[in-house]
Each structure stands twice: as C-alpha cells, then as structure tokens.
Amino acid sequence: MGKGQQSVREISMSVFLKDAVLNGLKAEGFPLNHARWVIENPKVFFVVKCQICTPVRAAFEEYISSLTKR
C-alpha cells in the first residue's frame, strides 16, 4: 500500500447484509411485533438455502433479541 492509502477491511457478503439490515431495522425503529411476525412466518419471507435470506433472517433475530433483553 502506498503512502496516503487506507486499508479497506474486506467483509463477506453475509456479514455486510446482516449488518446493513440490522442497522436499518434499528434506524427505522422497526416494530418488534412486525419483526417477530417475519421470523414466525419464514415461508412467506425466506427461501431455504438462500444466501441472501440467511443473513437477513439473522439480522431480524438479532434485532428481536436486542429489544427483548432490556
């Protein structure tokens, strides 16, 4: 790396998606009951073995967990 260049941290698509969705849920104050409904109805929102759905679901689960730990 040359002078003045900053290191760019590489992250996986999965980590990026999870973080982006989680931050969006928090920023918008997504209603807890809606988040639970998404998780309780996976066939409506998620596709089995989908590489996008898995981190998105994980973000919803972490969001729910963060609100219910209080």
PDB file of N, CA and C in Angstrom:
ATOM      1  N   MET A   1       0.838  -1.173   0.000  1.00  0.00           N
ATOM      2  CA  MET A   1       0.000   0.000   0.000  1.00  0.00           C
ATOM      3  C   MET A   1       0.886   1.240   0.000  1.00  0.00           C
ATOM      4  N   GLY A   2       0.533   2.177  -0.841  1.00  0.00           N
ATOM      5  CA  GLY A   2       1.312   3.403  -0.941  1.00  0.00           C
ATOM      6  C   GLY A   2       0.969   4.382   0.170  1.00  0.00           C
ATOM      7  N   LYS A   3       1.772   5.421   0.222  1.00  0.00           N
ATOM      8  CA  LYS A   3       1.541   6.460   1.217  1.00  0.00           C
ATOM      9  C   LYS A   3       0.176   7.111   1.003  1.00  0.00           C
ATOM     10  N   GLY A   4      -0.527   7.357   2.075  1.00  0.00           N
ATOM     11  CA  GLY A   4      -1.809   8.022   1.987  1.00  0.00           C
ATOM     12  C   GLY A   4      -2.989   7.106   1.692  1.00  0.00           C
ATOM     13  N   GLN A   5      -2.724   5.851   1.364  1.00  0.00           N
ATOM     14  CA  GLN A   5      -3.821   4.911   1.108  1.00  0.00           C
ATOM     15  C   GLN A   5      -4.254   4.272   2.415  1.00  0.00           C
ATOM     16  N   GLN A   6      -5.541   4.111   2.550  1.00  0.00           N
ATOM     17  CA  GLN A   6      -6.060   3.474   3.755  1.00  0.00           C
ATOM     18  C   GLN A   6      -6.412   2.027   3.454  1.00  0.00           C
ATOM     19  N   SER A   7      -6.277   1.209   4.445  1.00  0.00           N
ATOM     20  CA  SER A   7      -6.649  -0.194   4.317  1.00  0.00           C
ATOM     21  C   SER A   7      -8.170  -0.316   4.293  1.00  0.00           C
ATOM     22  N   VAL A   8      -8.673  -1.090   3.388  1.00  0.00           N
ATOM     23  CA  VAL A   8     -10.106  -1.355   3.313  1.00  0.00           C
ATOM     24  C   VAL A   8     -10.334  -2.740   3.893  1.00  0.00           C
ATOM     25  N   ARG A   9     -11.177  -2.783   4.898  1.00  0.00           N
ATOM     26  CA  ARG A   9     -11.459  -4.057   5.545  1.00  0.00           C
ATOM     27  C   ARG A   9     -12.388  -4.855   4.638  1.00  0.00           C
ATOM     28  N   GLU A  10     -11.985  -6.042   4.312  1.00  0.00           N
ATOM     29  CA  GLU A  10     -12.832  -6.900   3.494  1.00  0.00           C
ATOM     30  C   GLU A  10     -13.783  -7.669   4.395  1.00  0.00           C
ATOM     31  N   ILE A  11     -15.048  -7.684   4.013  1.00  0.00           N
ATOM     32  CA  ILE A  11     -16.024  -8.467   4.750  1.00  0.00           C
ATOM     33  C   ILE A  11     -16.818  -9.309   3.767  1.00  0.00           C
ATOM     34  N   SER A  12     -17.389 -10.349   4.276  1.00  0.00           N
ATOM     35  CA  SER A  12     -18.171 -11.221   3.407  1.00  0.00           C
ATOM     36  C   SER A  12     -19.514 -10.587   3.086  1.00  0.00           C
ATOM     37  N   MET A  13     -20.128 -11.050   2.028  1.00  0.00           N
ATOM     38  CA  MET A  13     -21.455 -10.577   1.656  1.00  0.00           C
ATOM     39  C   MET A  13     -22.431 -10.834   2.796  1.00  0.00           C
ATOM     40  N   SER A  14     -22.302 -11.964   3.436  1.00  0.00           N
ATOM     41  CA  SER A  14     -23.200 -12.331   4.521  1.00  0.00           C
ATOM     42  C   SER A  14     -23.113 -11.349   5.681  1.00  0.00           C
ATOM     43  N   VAL A  15     -21.908 -10.998   6.071  1.00  0.00           N
ATOM     44  CA  VAL A  15     -21.708 -10.041   7.166  1.00  0.00           C
ATOM     45  C   VAL A  15     -22.246  -8.666   6.760  1.00  0.00           C
ATOM     46  N   PHE A  16     -21.977  -8.263   5.537  1.00  0.00           N
ATOM     47  CA  PHE A  16     -22.457  -6.969   5.041  1.00  0.00           C
ATOM     48  C   PHE A  16     -23.980  -6.906   5.081  1.00  0.00           C
ATOM     49  N   LEU A  17     -24.642  -7.924   4.558  1.00  0.00           N
ATOM     50  CA  LEU A  17     -26.103  -7.944   4.521  1.00  0.00           C
ATOM     51  C   LEU A  17     -26.702  -7.924   5.923  1.00  0.00           C
ATOM     52  N   LYS A  18     -26.165  -8.753   6.808  1.00  0.00           N
ATOM     53  CA  LYS A  18     -26.685  -8.811   8.175  1.00  0.00           C
ATOM     54  C   LYS A  18     -26.548  -7.449   8.841  1.00  0.00           C
ATOM     55  N   ASP A  19     -25.366  -6.855   8.749  1.00  0.00           N
ATOM     56  CA  ASP A  19     -25.134  -5.551   9.375  1.00  0.00           C
ATOM     57  C   ASP A  19     -26.014  -4.463   8.775  1.00  0.00           C
ATOM     58  N   ALA A  20     -26.165  -4.480   7.450  1.00  0.00           N
ATOM     59  CA  ALA A  20     -26.974  -3.458   6.783  1.00  0.00           C
ATOM     60  C   ALA A  20     -28.436  -3.558   7.196  1.00  0.00           C
ATOM     61  N   VAL A  21     -28.967  -4.772   7.219  1.00  0.00           N
ATOM     62  CA  VAL A  21     -30.374  -4.952   7.596  1.00  0.00           C
ATOM     63  C   VAL A  21     -30.571  -4.616   9.074  1.00  0.00           C
ATOM     64  N   LEU A  22     -29.674  -5.090   9.926  1.00  0.00           N
ATOM     65  CA  LEU A  22     -29.784  -4.819  11.356  1.00  0.00           C
ATOM     66  C   LEU A  22     -29.739  -3.319  11.632  1.00  0.00           C
ATOM     67  N   ASN A  23     -28.800  -2.616  11.004  1.00  0.00           N
ATOM     68  CA  ASN A  23     -28.703  -1.169  11.198  1.00  0.00           C
ATOM     69  C   ASN A  23     -29.949  -0.457  10.677  1.00  0.00           C
ATOM     70  N   GLY A  24     -30.503  -0.929   9.575  1.00  0.00           N
ATOM     71  CA  GLY A  24     -31.720  -0.348   9.041  1.00  0.00           C
ATOM     72  C   GLY A  24     -32.912  -0.550   9.963  1.00  0.00           C
ATOM     73  N   LEU A  25     -33.036  -1.757  10.514  1.00  0.00           N
ATOM     74  CA  LEU A  25     -34.124  -2.037  11.460  1.00  0.00           C
ATOM     75  C   LEU A  25     -34.039  -1.111  12.670  1.00  0.00           C
ATOM     76  N   LYS A  26     -32.820  -0.956  13.184  1.00  0.00           N
ATOM     77  CA  LYS A  26     -32.617  -0.090  14.349  1.00  0.00           C
ATOM     78  C   LYS A  26     -32.886   1.371  14.012  1.00  0.00           C
ATOM     79  N   ALA A  27     -32.365   1.824  12.880  1.00  0.00           N
ATOM     80  CA  ALA A  27     -32.510   3.230  12.492  1.00  0.00           C
ATOM     81  C   ALA A  27     -33.976   3.609  12.278  1.00  0.00           C
ATOM     82  N   GLU A  28     -34.742   2.699  11.745  1.00  0.00           N
ATOM     83  CA  GLU A  28     -36.152   2.969  11.471  1.00  0.00           C
ATOM     84  C   GLU A  28     -37.062   2.670  12.659  1.00  0.00           C
ATOM     85  N   GLY A  29     -36.510   2.032  13.677  1.00  0.00           N
ATOM     86  CA  GLY A  29     -37.335   1.653  14.821  1.00  0.00           C
ATOM     87  C   GLY A  29     -38.419   0.668  14.409  1.00  0.00           C
ATOM     88  N   PHE A  30     -38.021  -0.307  13.609  1.00  0.00           N
ATOM     89  CA  PHE A  30     -38.968  -1.300  13.089  1.00  0.00           C
ATOM     90  C   PHE A  30     -39.732  -1.926  14.256  1.00  0.00           C
ATOM     91  N   PRO A  31     -41.048  -1.981  14.165  1.00  0.00           N
ATOM     92  CA  PRO A  31     -41.850  -2.502  15.281  1.00  0.00           C
ATOM     93  C   PRO A  31     -41.510  -3.952  15.628  1.00  0.00           C
ATOM     94  N   LEU A  32     -41.334  -4.199  16.908  1.00  0.00           N
ATOM     95  CA  LEU A  32     -40.981  -5.526  17.392  1.00  0.00           C
ATOM     96  C   LEU A  32     -41.999  -6.572  16.955  1.00  0.00           C
ATOM     97  N   ASN A  33     -43.280  -6.253  17.032  1.00  0.00           N
ATOM     98  CA  ASN A  33     -44.294  -7.243  16.654  1.00  0.00           C
ATOM     99  C   ASN A  33     -44.206  -7.588  15.163  1.00  0.00           C
ATOM    100  N   HIS A  34     -43.821  -6.642  14.333  1.00  0.00           N
ATOM    101  CA  HIS A  34     -43.650  -6.929  12.908  1.00  0.00           C
ATOM    102  C   HIS A  34     -42.420  -7.815  12.685  1.00  0.00           C
ATOM    103  N   ALA A  35     -41.345  -7.520  13.394  1.00  0.00           N
ATOM    104  CA  ALA A  35     -40.127  -8.322  13.276  1.00  0.00           C
ATOM    105  C   ALA A  35     -40.397  -9.765  13.709  1.00  0.00           C
ATOM    106  N   ARG A  36     -41.131  -9.914  14.784  1.00  0.00           N
ATOM    107  CA  ARG A  36     -41.483 -11.274  15.232  1.00  0.00           C
ATOM    108  C   ARG A  36     -42.324 -11.989  14.188  1.00  0.00           C
ATOM    109  N   TRP A  37     -43.249 -11.259  13.556  1.00  0.00           N
ATOM    110  CA  TRP A  37     -44.112 -11.859  12.550  1.00  0.00           C
ATOM    111  C   TRP A  37     -43.289 -12.370  11.373  1.00  0.00           C
ATOM    112  N   VAL A  38     -42.275 -11.605  10.980  1.00  0.00           N
ATOM    113  CA  VAL A  38     -41.385 -12.025   9.891  1.00  0.00           C
ATOM    114  C   VAL A  38     -40.700 -13.342  10.251  1.00  0.00           C
ATOM    115  N   ILE A  39     -40.163 -13.424  11.456  1.00  0.00           N
ATOM    116  CA  ILE A  39     -39.457 -14.631  11.889  1.00  0.00           C
ATOM    117  C   ILE A  39     -40.406 -15.808  12.072  1.00  0.00           C
ATOM    118  N   GLU A  40     -41.597 -15.539  12.541  1.00  0.00           N
ATOM    119  CA  GLU A  40     -42.575 -16.619  12.770  1.00  0.00           C
ATOM    120  C   GLU A  40     -43.211 -17.139  11.486  1.00  0.00           C
ATOM    121  N   ASN A  41     -42.999 -16.454  10.376  1.00  0.00           N
ATOM    122  CA  ASN A  41     -43.566 -16.846   9.084  1.00  0.00           C
ATOM    123  C   ASN A  41     -42.471 -16.953   8.016  1.00  0.00           C
ATOM    124  N   PRO A  42     -41.508 -17.840   8.242  1.00  0.00           N
ATOM    125  CA  PRO A  42     -40.358 -17.901   7.331  1.00  0.00           C
ATOM    126  C   PRO A  42     -40.716 -18.272   5.892  1.00  0.00           C
ATOM    127  N   LYS A  43     -41.759 -19.059   5.702  1.00  0.00           N
ATOM    128  CA  LYS A  43     -42.106 -19.454   4.335  1.00  0.00           C
ATOM    129  C   LYS A  43     -42.630 -18.286   3.516  1.00  0.00           C
ATOM    130  N   VAL A  44     -43.093 -17.250   4.188  1.00  0.00           N
ATOM    131  CA  VAL A  44     -43.589 -16.060   3.495  1.00  0.00           C
ATOM    132  C   VAL A  44     -42.418 -15.169   3.054  1.00  0.00           C
ATOM    133  N   PHE A  45     -41.370 -15.110   3.884  1.00  0.00           N
ATOM    134  CA  PHE A  45     -40.299 -14.143   3.653  1.00  0.00           C
ATOM    135  C   PHE A  45     -38.959 -14.721   3.209  1.00  0.00           C
ATOM    136  N   PHE A  46     -38.719 -15.992   3.468  1.00  0.00           N
ATOM    137  CA  PHE A  46     -37.388 -16.543   3.233  1.00  0.00           C
ATOM    138  C   PHE A  46     -37.430 -17.786   2.353  1.00  0.00           C
ATOM    139  N   VAL A  47     -36.356 -17.994   1.605  1.00  0.00           N
ATOM    140  CA  VAL A  47     -36.192 -19.156   0.750  1.00  0.00           C
ATOM    141  C   VAL A  47     -35.118 -20.037   1.373  1.00  0.00           C
ATOM    142  N   VAL A  48     -35.392 -21.317   1.489  1.00  0.00           N
ATOM    143  CA  VAL A  48     -34.431 -22.254   2.077  1.00  0.00           C
ATOM    144  C   VAL A  48     -33.127 -22.225   1.280  1.00  0.00           C
ATOM    145  N   LYS A  49     -32.036 -22.189   1.991  1.00  0.00           N
ATOM    146  CA  LYS A  49     -30.675 -22.194   1.440  1.00  0.00           C
ATOM    147  C   LYS A  49     -30.343 -20.960   0.594  1.00  0.00           C
ATOM    148  N   CYS A  50     -31.097 -19.904   0.732  1.00  0.00           N
ATOM    149  CA  CYS A  50     -30.822 -18.658   0.010  1.00  0.00           C
ATOM    150  C   CYS A  50     -29.676 -17.934   0.701  1.00  0.00           C
ATOM    151  N   GLN A  51     -28.680 -17.544  -0.081  1.00  0.00           N
ATOM    152  CA  GLN A  51     -27.509 -16.884   0.502  1.00  0.00           C
ATOM    153  C   GLN A  51     -27.800 -15.459   0.947  1.00  0.00           C
ATOM    154  N   ILE A  52     -28.901 -14.892   0.504  1.00  0.00           N
ATOM    155  CA  ILE A  52     -29.304 -13.562   0.955  1.00  0.00           C
ATOM    156  C   ILE A  52     -30.244 -13.681   2.148  1.00  0.00           C
ATOM    157  N   CYS A  53     -31.148 -14.639   2.093  1.00  0.00           N
ATOM    158  CA  CYS A  53     -32.151 -14.793   3.148  1.00  0.00           C
ATOM    159  C   CYS A  53     -31.533 -15.139   4.508  1.00  0.00           C
ATOM    160  N   THR A  54     -30.502 -15.948   4.507  1.00  0.00           N
ATOM    161  CA  THR A  54     -29.897 -16.387   5.769  1.00  0.00           C
ATOM    162  C   THR A  54     -29.376 -15.216   6.607  1.00  0.00           C
ATOM    163  N   PRO A  55     -28.566 -14.297   6.056  1.00  0.00           N
ATOM    164  CA  PRO A  55     -28.114 -13.170   6.878  1.00  0.00           C
ATOM    165  C   PRO A  55     -29.232 -12.172   7.203  1.00  0.00           C
ATOM    166  N   VAL A  56     -30.203 -12.053   6.322  1.00  0.00           N
ATOM    167  CA  VAL A  56     -31.328 -11.157   6.601  1.00  0.00           C
ATOM    168  C   VAL A  56     -32.123 -11.693   7.783  1.00  0.00           C
ATOM    169  N   ARG A  57     -32.377 -12.988   7.784  1.00  0.00           N
ATOM    170  CA  ARG A  57     -33.081 -13.610   8.907  1.00  0.00           C
ATOM    171  C   ARG A  57     -32.276 -13.445  10.193  1.00  0.00           C
ATOM    172  N   ALA A  58     -30.970 -13.643  10.113  1.00  0.00           N
ATOM    173  CA  ALA A  58     -30.107 -13.479  11.292  1.00  0.00           C
ATOM    174  C   ALA A  58     -30.195 -12.056  11.838  1.00  0.00           C
ATOM    175  N   ALA A  59     -30.294 -11.080  10.948  1.00  0.00           N
ATOM    176  CA  ALA A  59     -30.414  -9.679  11.379  1.00  0.00           C
ATOM    177  C   ALA A  59     -31.727  -9.470  12.132  1.00  0.00           C
ATOM    178  N   PHE A  60     -32.815 -10.025  11.621  1.00  0.00           N
ATOM    179  CA  PHE A  60     -34.104  -9.908  12.305  1.00  0.00           C
ATOM    180  C   PHE A  60     -34.039 -10.581  13.678  1.00  0.00           C
ATOM    181  N   GLU A  61     -33.415 -11.749  13.741  1.00  0.00           N
ATOM    182  CA  GLU A  61     -33.310 -12.455  15.024  1.00  0.00           C
ATOM    183  C   GLU A  61     -32.488 -11.655  16.029  1.00  0.00           C
ATOM    184  N   GLU A  62     -31.381 -11.072  15.572  1.00  0.00           N
ATOM    185  CA  GLU A  62     -30.547 -10.264  16.469  1.00  0.00           C
ATOM    186  C   GLU A  62     -31.289  -9.000  16.903  1.00  0.00           C
ATOM    187  N   TYR A  63     -32.039  -8.415  15.995  1.00  0.00           N
ATOM    188  CA  TYR A  63     -32.833  -7.225  16.321  1.00  0.00           C
ATOM    189  C   TYR A  63     -33.851  -7.545  17.406  1.00  0.00           C
ATOM    190  N   ILE A  64     -34.568  -8.625  17.238  1.00  0.00           N
ATOM    191  CA  ILE A  64     -35.557  -9.044  18.236  1.00  0.00           C
ATOM    192  C   ILE A  64     -34.874  -9.288  19.572  1.00  0.00           C
ATOM    193  N   SER A  65     -33.766  -9.994  19.529  1.00  0.00           N
ATOM    194  CA  SER A  65     -33.027 -10.294  20.759  1.00  0.00           C
ATOM    195  C   SER A  65     -32.564  -9.019  21.465  1.00  0.00           C
ATOM    196  N   SER A  66     -32.112  -8.035  20.692  1.00  0.00           N
ATOM    197  CA  SER A  66     -31.617  -6.788  21.290  1.00  0.00           C
ATOM    198  C   SER A  66     -32.744  -6.007  21.966  1.00  0.00           C
ATOM    199  N   LEU A  67     -33.956  -6.134  21.467  1.00  0.00           N
ATOM    200  CA  LEU A  67     -35.089  -5.412  22.061  1.00  0.00           C
ATOM    201  C   LEU A  67     -35.701  -6.130  23.240  1.00  0.00           C
ATOM    202  N   THR A  68     -35.566  -7.441  23.280  1.00  0.00           N
ATOM    203  CA  THR A  68     -36.187  -8.209  24.363  1.00  0.00           C
ATOM    204  C   THR A  68     -35.255  -8.431  25.548  1.00  0.00           C
ATOM    205  N   LYS A  69     -33.974  -8.095  25.410  1.00  0.00           N
ATOM    206  CA  LYS A  69     -33.017  -8.236  26.517  1.00  0.00           C
ATOM    207  C   LYS A  69     -33.129  -7.113  27.539  1.00  0.00           C
ATOM    208  N   ARG A  70     -33.801  -6.038  27.167  1.00  0.00           N
ATOM    209  CA  ARG A  70     -33.870  -4.856  28.022  1.00  0.00           C
ATOM    210  C   ARG A  70     -34.687  -5.094  29.256  1.00  0.00           C
TER     211      ARG A  70
END
